[in-house]
């Protein structure tokens, strides 16, 4: 495990909220990797504006030192420099945000992390960064044909549909024990933390003392597909929204960022990269979802029998010299298997 500490106030990004009386309220974006904005008191940034939704938008910090604005299906929309956003939008220094009638200025500060320094017992105001190795499952869920949707729907309806999808998708993942790690374009990356590992511990589904709960990951995916079908019926869409999903299970470096009031986690490494590649393979496979060989082995161990709805296939994945064995199926067959 490695420990780093950085000041929560040194060159940190922040937002300036313009109050009705003309004053400004500053909120420093430190000590977490995500901040919700809305009318409810449990938001990280509370906006006392009746035109703002209860949970209106999200500021998401990613591991590449970027901050994105994500609309959460708000009634009146979220705007960056007077342009309505429908998918996560990268913020630049000086960007002007409008949520309802609330005006917000984003200042990037110095998003690049300072040089790490050893720390023993960091001060309460410091941000603590821990790096450990965990056994995790990563799920990547992508909205297929988003580009076509942008051409077919007006901006307001597109924003509402995608905002609802991101918000409901995040709720489903949390209800099934996962954590939304990133919103990337029109995709969600979620992580399930199974067990900490020694830095040298090899991964092998048949050698683990605790078998990863891959069933919970797959149940969450079934619910995401079902929720998407509900959206297809709720909104006047010219064509239904379709999803593709990929899952991988393995060891990864997990970075814990936070202080004594807020803790956030993000996963890094090949286990994460492979999940993205597996999701991409579903297009060529003409499948709703695909899982890695390690994820499949964990699922079989949980079920106590082969998961007969999955078909095995060796696929070529971008960035990998050797073919990977993946297991793919349609979501209806998976739902029948899990009873979800």
Protein backbone atom coordinates (compact mmCIF):
# COMPACT_ATOMS: atom_id res chain seq x y z
CA UNK A 1 0.00 0.00 0.00
CA UNK A 2 1.22 3.49 -0.77
CA UNK A 3 0.08 6.65 1.00
CA UNK A 4 0.13 10.15 -0.41
CA UNK A 5 -1.24 13.42 0.89
CA UNK A 6 -2.01 16.67 -0.85
CA UNK A 7 -3.47 19.89 0.50
CA UNK A 8 -7.19 20.25 -0.17
CA UNK A 9 -6.74 23.94 -0.82
CA UNK A 10 -3.55 24.11 -2.93
CA UNK A 11 -4.41 25.12 -6.50
CA UNK A 12 -7.58 23.01 -6.35
CA UNK A 13 -10.36 23.48 -8.92
CA UNK A 14 -13.48 25.27 -7.67
CA UNK A 15 -16.82 26.70 -8.72
CA UNK A 16 -18.20 30.17 -8.03
CA UNK A 17 -21.97 30.31 -7.44
CA UNK A 18 -23.67 33.64 -8.01
CA UNK A 19 -26.20 34.34 -5.26
CA UNK A 20 -29.45 36.31 -5.84
CA UNK A 21 -28.03 39.28 -3.87
CA UNK A 22 -25.07 39.52 -6.24
CA UNK A 23 -22.53 37.91 -3.92
CA UNK A 24 -20.55 34.81 -4.83
CA UNK A 25 -20.18 31.51 -2.99
CA UNK A 26 -17.00 29.49 -3.58
CA UNK A 27 -16.98 25.69 -3.42
CA UNK A 28 -13.58 24.01 -3.66
CA UNK A 29 -13.62 20.70 -5.54
CA UNK A 30 -11.40 18.62 -3.28
CA UNK A 31 -11.69 15.61 -0.98
CA UNK A 32 -13.90 13.63 -3.37
CA UNK A 33 -14.19 12.60 -7.02
CA UNK A 34 -17.85 13.55 -7.55
CA UNK A 35 -20.11 16.38 -6.36
CA UNK A 36 -23.88 16.51 -6.89
CA UNK A 37 -25.66 19.83 -7.44
CA UNK A 38 -29.32 20.36 -6.72
CA UNK A 39 -32.06 21.68 -4.47
CA UNK A 40 -32.02 18.88 -1.88
CA UNK A 41 -29.95 19.42 1.25
CA UNK A 42 -28.04 16.15 0.78
CA UNK A 43 -26.32 17.43 -2.36
CA UNK A 44 -22.63 18.29 -2.10
CA UNK A 45 -23.45 21.70 -3.60
CA UNK A 46 -26.91 22.96 -2.63
CA UNK A 47 -28.59 25.45 -4.99
CA UNK A 48 -31.41 27.46 -3.40
CA UNK A 49 -33.20 27.94 -6.69
CA UNK A 50 -36.78 26.66 -7.28
CA UNK A 51 -36.05 26.18 -10.99
CA UNK A 52 -33.30 23.66 -10.14
CA UNK A 53 -34.21 19.98 -9.78
CA UNK A 54 -33.75 18.14 -6.48
CA UNK A 55 -30.76 16.32 -7.97
CA UNK A 56 -29.91 18.40 -11.00
CA UNK A 57 -26.35 17.65 -12.12
CA UNK A 58 -23.05 16.05 -11.18
CA UNK A 59 -19.46 17.22 -11.34
CA UNK A 60 -17.28 14.14 -11.92
CA UNK A 61 -13.50 14.10 -11.44
CA UNK A 62 -11.73 11.47 -13.55
CA UNK A 63 -8.32 9.92 -13.09
CA UNK A 64 -6.92 11.78 -16.11
CA UNK A 65 -7.17 15.08 -14.20
CA UNK A 66 -10.40 16.21 -15.85
CA UNK A 67 -13.76 17.33 -14.49
CA UNK A 68 -17.01 16.67 -16.35
CA UNK A 69 -20.51 18.11 -15.94
CA UNK A 70 -23.28 15.51 -16.13
CA UNK A 71 -26.96 16.41 -16.24
CA UNK A 72 -29.04 14.02 -14.11
CA UNK A 73 -32.27 14.24 -16.07
CA UNK A 74 -33.15 17.69 -14.76
CA UNK A 75 -36.40 19.39 -15.74
CA UNK A 76 -34.82 22.62 -17.01
CA UNK A 77 -31.51 21.23 -18.22
CA UNK A 78 -27.84 21.99 -17.64
CA UNK A 79 -25.91 24.35 -19.93
CA UNK A 80 -22.20 24.97 -20.55
CA UNK A 81 -21.53 28.29 -22.24
CA UNK A 82 -25.22 28.45 -23.23
CA UNK A 83 -25.17 25.00 -24.86
CA UNK A 84 -27.39 22.32 -23.35
CA UNK A 85 -25.53 19.15 -22.38
CA UNK A 86 -26.93 15.65 -22.87
CA UNK A 87 -23.85 13.56 -22.13
CA UNK A 88 -20.91 14.17 -19.76
CA UNK A 89 -19.16 17.35 -20.91
CA UNK A 90 -15.51 18.18 -20.23
CA UNK A 91 -15.14 21.51 -18.44
CA UNK A 92 -12.48 24.09 -19.27
CA UNK A 93 -11.19 26.89 -17.09
CA UNK A 94 -13.63 29.81 -17.13
CA UNK A 95 -16.60 27.85 -18.45
CA UNK A 96 -19.98 29.33 -17.59
CA UNK A 97 -22.55 26.85 -16.26
CA UNK A 98 -26.29 27.47 -16.05
CA UNK A 99 -28.53 25.20 -13.97
CA UNK A 100 -32.10 26.47 -13.90
CA UNK A 101 -31.65 30.15 -13.06
CA UNK A 102 -28.38 29.51 -11.19
CA UNK A 103 -25.18 30.90 -12.72
CA UNK A 104 -21.92 29.09 -11.95
CA UNK A 105 -18.36 29.73 -13.07
CA UNK A 106 -15.88 26.85 -13.22
CA UNK A 107 -12.20 27.46 -12.43
CA UNK A 108 -9.83 24.59 -13.10
CA UNK A 109 -7.07 25.68 -10.73
CA UNK A 110 -4.23 23.20 -11.21
CA UNK A 111 -5.87 19.88 -12.08
CA UNK A 112 -2.51 18.18 -12.39
CA UNK A 113 -1.66 16.44 -9.11
CA UNK A 114 1.31 17.81 -7.17
CA UNK A 115 4.29 15.61 -6.46
CA UNK A 116 3.39 13.02 -3.81
CA UNK A 117 5.12 13.26 -0.46
CA UNK A 118 5.18 10.74 2.43
CA UNK A 119 2.68 11.47 5.14
CA UNK A 120 2.07 10.05 8.58
CA UNK A 121 -1.17 11.20 10.18
CA UNK A 122 -2.33 13.85 7.67
CA UNK A 123 -4.05 16.94 8.94
CA UNK A 124 -7.83 17.04 8.93
CA UNK A 125 -7.83 19.51 6.02
CA UNK A 126 -5.61 17.28 3.84
CA UNK A 127 -6.78 14.94 1.13
CA UNK A 128 -5.54 11.40 1.72
CA UNK A 129 -4.70 9.17 -1.24
CA UNK A 130 -4.27 5.43 -0.64
CA UNK A 131 -3.32 2.92 -3.29
CA UNK A 132 -4.04 -0.77 -2.68
CA UNK A 133 -4.58 -3.87 -4.79
CA UNK A 134 -8.10 -5.30 -4.85
CA UNK A 135 -9.97 -8.06 -6.56
CA UNK A 136 -12.71 -6.27 -8.51
CA UNK A 137 -15.27 -6.72 -11.24
CA UNK A 138 -15.60 -3.95 -13.82
CA UNK A 139 -18.73 -3.44 -15.93
CA UNK A 140 -18.82 -1.09 -18.91
CA UNK A 141 -22.25 -0.23 -20.35
CA UNK A 142 -22.50 1.77 -23.56
CA UNK A 143 -25.46 3.37 -25.35
CA UNK A 144 -25.31 2.16 -28.93
CA UNK A 145 -26.18 4.51 -31.76
CA UNK A 146 -25.96 7.65 -29.66
CA UNK A 147 -24.73 9.65 -32.65
CA UNK A 148 -27.89 8.75 -34.54
CA UNK A 149 -30.02 9.83 -31.57
CA UNK A 150 -28.40 13.27 -31.59
CA UNK A 151 -29.54 13.73 -35.19
CA UNK A 152 -33.08 12.47 -34.61
CA UNK A 153 -34.05 14.13 -31.31
CA UNK A 154 -34.32 17.77 -30.38
CA UNK A 155 -31.79 18.94 -27.81
CA UNK A 156 -34.20 19.16 -24.89
CA UNK A 157 -35.64 15.66 -25.31
CA UNK A 158 -32.19 14.15 -25.85
CA UNK A 159 -30.91 15.78 -22.66
CA UNK A 160 -33.89 14.51 -20.68
CA UNK A 161 -33.62 10.94 -22.02
CA UNK A 162 -29.88 10.65 -21.46
CA UNK A 163 -30.04 12.40 -18.10
CA UNK A 164 -32.68 9.92 -16.94
CA UNK A 165 -30.60 7.02 -18.24
CA UNK A 166 -27.45 8.11 -16.39
CA UNK A 167 -29.35 8.87 -13.17
CA UNK A 168 -31.37 5.64 -13.10
CA UNK A 169 -28.37 3.62 -14.21
CA UNK A 170 -26.31 4.97 -11.31
CA UNK A 171 -29.08 4.10 -8.85
CA UNK A 172 -29.33 0.52 -10.17
CA UNK A 173 -25.59 -0.03 -9.87
CA UNK A 174 -25.55 1.22 -6.28
CA UNK A 175 -28.55 -0.94 -5.36
CA UNK A 176 -26.61 -4.01 -6.52
CA UNK A 177 -23.46 -3.24 -4.57
CA UNK A 178 -21.48 -1.46 -7.28
CA UNK A 179 -19.93 1.98 -7.53
CA UNK A 180 -20.08 4.26 -10.55
CA UNK A 181 -16.43 4.97 -11.25
CA UNK A 182 -16.76 7.02 -14.42
CA UNK A 183 -19.20 8.45 -16.93
CA UNK A 184 -17.40 8.43 -20.25
CA UNK A 185 -19.26 9.96 -23.16
CA UNK A 186 -22.43 7.88 -23.48
CA UNK A 187 -21.11 5.05 -21.30
CA UNK A 188 -20.98 4.10 -17.62
CA UNK A 189 -18.05 2.31 -15.97
CA UNK A 190 -18.95 0.63 -12.67
CA UNK A 191 -16.80 -1.29 -10.19
CA UNK A 192 -17.60 -3.99 -7.64
CA UNK A 193 -14.96 -4.31 -4.89
CA UNK A 194 -14.70 -7.94 -3.80
CA UNK A 195 -11.63 -8.30 -1.54
CA UNK A 196 -8.24 -6.65 -0.91
CA UNK A 197 -5.21 -8.57 -2.14
CA UNK A 198 -1.50 -8.69 -1.43
CA UNK A 199 0.44 -6.88 -4.12
CA UNK A 200 1.91 -10.17 -5.35
CA UNK A 201 -1.26 -12.24 -5.13
CA UNK A 202 -2.11 -13.90 -8.47
CA UNK A 203 -5.70 -13.97 -9.64
CA UNK A 204 -7.35 -17.33 -10.18
CA UNK A 205 -11.05 -18.00 -9.76
CA UNK A 206 -10.40 -21.49 -8.48
CA UNK A 207 -7.83 -20.37 -5.89
CA UNK A 208 -9.73 -17.60 -4.10
CA UNK A 209 -10.84 -17.92 -0.50
CA UNK A 210 -13.80 -15.64 -1.25
CA UNK A 211 -15.53 -16.15 -4.58
CA UNK A 212 -16.36 -12.80 -6.24
CA UNK A 213 -20.10 -12.06 -6.43
CA UNK A 214 -20.35 -11.85 -10.21
CA UNK A 215 -24.08 -12.65 -10.04
CA UNK A 216 -24.74 -9.22 -8.49
CA UNK A 217 -22.86 -7.56 -11.34
CA UNK A 218 -24.91 -9.43 -13.94
CA UNK A 219 -28.19 -8.77 -12.11
CA UNK A 220 -27.38 -5.06 -12.22
CA UNK A 221 -26.83 -5.31 -15.98
CA UNK A 222 -30.18 -7.07 -16.45
CA UNK A 223 -31.87 -4.23 -14.55
CA UNK A 224 -30.04 -1.65 -16.68
CA UNK A 225 -31.37 -3.27 -19.84
CA UNK A 226 -34.88 -3.41 -18.34
CA UNK A 227 -34.69 0.25 -17.32
CA UNK A 228 -33.63 1.16 -20.86
CA UNK A 229 -36.68 -0.63 -22.25
CA UNK A 230 -38.84 1.43 -19.88
CA UNK A 231 -37.29 4.63 -21.25
CA UNK A 232 -38.04 3.42 -24.77
CA UNK A 233 -41.73 3.30 -23.82
CA UNK A 234 -41.76 6.51 -21.76
CA UNK A 235 -40.30 8.82 -24.42
CA UNK A 236 -41.36 9.38 -28.05
CA UNK A 237 -38.18 8.00 -29.59
CA UNK A 238 -37.83 7.39 -33.34
CA UNK A 239 -35.93 4.17 -32.60
CA UNK A 240 -35.30 2.27 -29.35
CA UNK A 241 -32.16 2.80 -27.29
CA UNK A 242 -29.90 -0.26 -27.33
CA UNK A 243 -27.06 -1.15 -24.96
CA UNK A 244 -23.85 -3.14 -25.07
CA UNK A 245 -22.12 -4.33 -21.89
CA UNK A 246 -18.79 -5.94 -20.99
CA UNK A 247 -17.59 -7.40 -17.68
CA UNK A 248 -14.14 -8.40 -16.43
CA UNK A 249 -12.97 -9.68 -13.05
CA UNK A 250 -9.38 -9.44 -11.82
CA UNK A 251 -6.80 -7.64 -9.74
CA UNK A 252 -6.43 -3.88 -10.01
CA UNK A 253 -4.85 -0.95 -8.27
CA UNK A 254 -7.57 0.93 -6.39
CA UNK A 255 -6.96 4.55 -5.47
CA UNK A 256 -8.86 5.82 -2.44
CA UNK A 257 -9.20 9.60 -2.38
CA UNK A 258 -10.78 11.58 0.43
CA UNK A 259 -10.62 12.96 3.93
CA UNK A 260 -12.50 12.31 7.15
CA UNK A 261 -15.81 13.44 5.62
CA UNK A 262 -15.82 12.07 2.05
CA UNK A 263 -14.24 8.96 0.51
CA UNK A 264 -14.13 8.09 -3.19
CA UNK A 265 -12.53 5.17 -5.04
CA UNK A 266 -11.28 4.64 -8.58
CA UNK A 267 -9.73 1.56 -10.20
CA UNK A 268 -6.78 1.54 -12.59
CA UNK A 269 -4.96 -0.99 -14.73
CA UNK A 270 -5.36 -3.77 -17.28
CA UNK A 271 -8.43 -5.28 -15.60
CA UNK A 272 -10.26 -2.01 -16.34
CA UNK A 273 -8.90 -1.71 -19.89
CA UNK A 274 -9.93 -5.27 -20.73
CA UNK A 275 -13.53 -4.60 -19.63
CA UNK A 276 -13.74 -1.76 -22.18
CA UNK A 277 -12.35 -3.98 -24.93
CA UNK A 278 -14.78 -6.77 -24.09
CA UNK A 279 -17.70 -4.34 -24.30
CA UNK A 280 -16.47 -3.24 -27.73
CA UNK A 281 -16.46 -6.87 -28.88
CA UNK A 282 -20.23 -7.17 -28.40
CA UNK A 283 -20.84 -5.32 -31.66
CA UNK A 284 -18.98 -7.90 -33.75
CA UNK A 285 -20.51 -10.71 -31.71
CA UNK A 286 -24.01 -9.23 -32.17
CA UNK A 287 -24.55 -9.78 -28.44
CA UNK A 288 -26.10 -7.74 -25.66
CA UNK A 289 -23.24 -8.48 -23.31
CA UNK A 290 -19.97 -10.36 -23.00
CA UNK A 291 -17.87 -11.37 -19.99
CA UNK A 292 -14.26 -12.42 -19.59
CA UNK A 293 -13.08 -15.97 -18.95
CA UNK A 294 -12.28 -15.06 -15.32
CA UNK A 295 -15.74 -13.56 -14.76
CA UNK A 296 -17.34 -16.65 -16.28
CA UNK A 297 -15.28 -18.96 -14.03
CA UNK A 298 -16.46 -17.03 -10.95
CA UNK A 299 -20.08 -17.18 -12.12
CA UNK A 300 -19.92 -20.94 -12.67
CA UNK A 301 -18.49 -21.40 -9.20
CA UNK A 302 -21.33 -19.35 -7.72
CA UNK A 303 -23.99 -21.23 -9.68
CA UNK A 304 -22.48 -24.64 -9.07
CA UNK A 305 -23.03 -25.49 -12.72
CA UNK A 306 -22.18 -24.17 -16.21
CA UNK A 307 -23.99 -21.02 -17.30
CA UNK A 308 -25.57 -22.56 -20.37
CA UNK A 309 -26.90 -19.29 -21.82
CA UNK A 310 -23.36 -18.10 -22.58
CA UNK A 311 -21.56 -18.96 -25.81
CA UNK A 312 -17.76 -19.09 -25.78
CA UNK A 313 -15.71 -17.46 -28.51
CA UNK A 314 -12.10 -16.42 -29.05
CA UNK A 315 -11.97 -12.77 -30.11
CA UNK A 316 -9.27 -10.34 -31.14
CA UNK A 317 -9.23 -7.29 -28.89
CA UNK A 318 -7.58 -3.99 -29.77
CA UNK A 319 -4.28 -3.54 -27.95
CA UNK A 320 -3.80 -7.24 -27.14
CA UNK A 321 -1.47 -9.50 -29.11
CA UNK A 322 -3.30 -12.73 -28.24
CA UNK A 323 -6.96 -13.64 -28.68
CA UNK A 324 -9.16 -13.65 -25.57
CA UNK A 325 -11.84 -16.15 -24.70
CA UNK A 326 -15.08 -14.30 -24.00
CA UNK A 327 -18.55 -15.56 -23.13
CA UNK A 328 -21.52 -13.74 -24.65
CA UNK A 329 -25.30 -13.96 -24.51
CA UNK A 330 -28.52 -11.98 -24.90
CA UNK A 331 -29.99 -10.27 -21.86
CA UNK A 332 -33.24 -12.28 -21.98
CA UNK A 333 -31.35 -15.56 -21.58
CA UNK A 334 -29.28 -14.11 -18.75
CA UNK A 335 -32.42 -12.91 -16.97
CA UNK A 336 -33.87 -16.43 -17.15
CA UNK A 337 -30.62 -17.89 -15.75
CA UNK A 338 -30.45 -15.50 -12.81
CA UNK A 339 -34.17 -15.20 -12.17
CA UNK A 340 -33.63 -11.45 -12.13
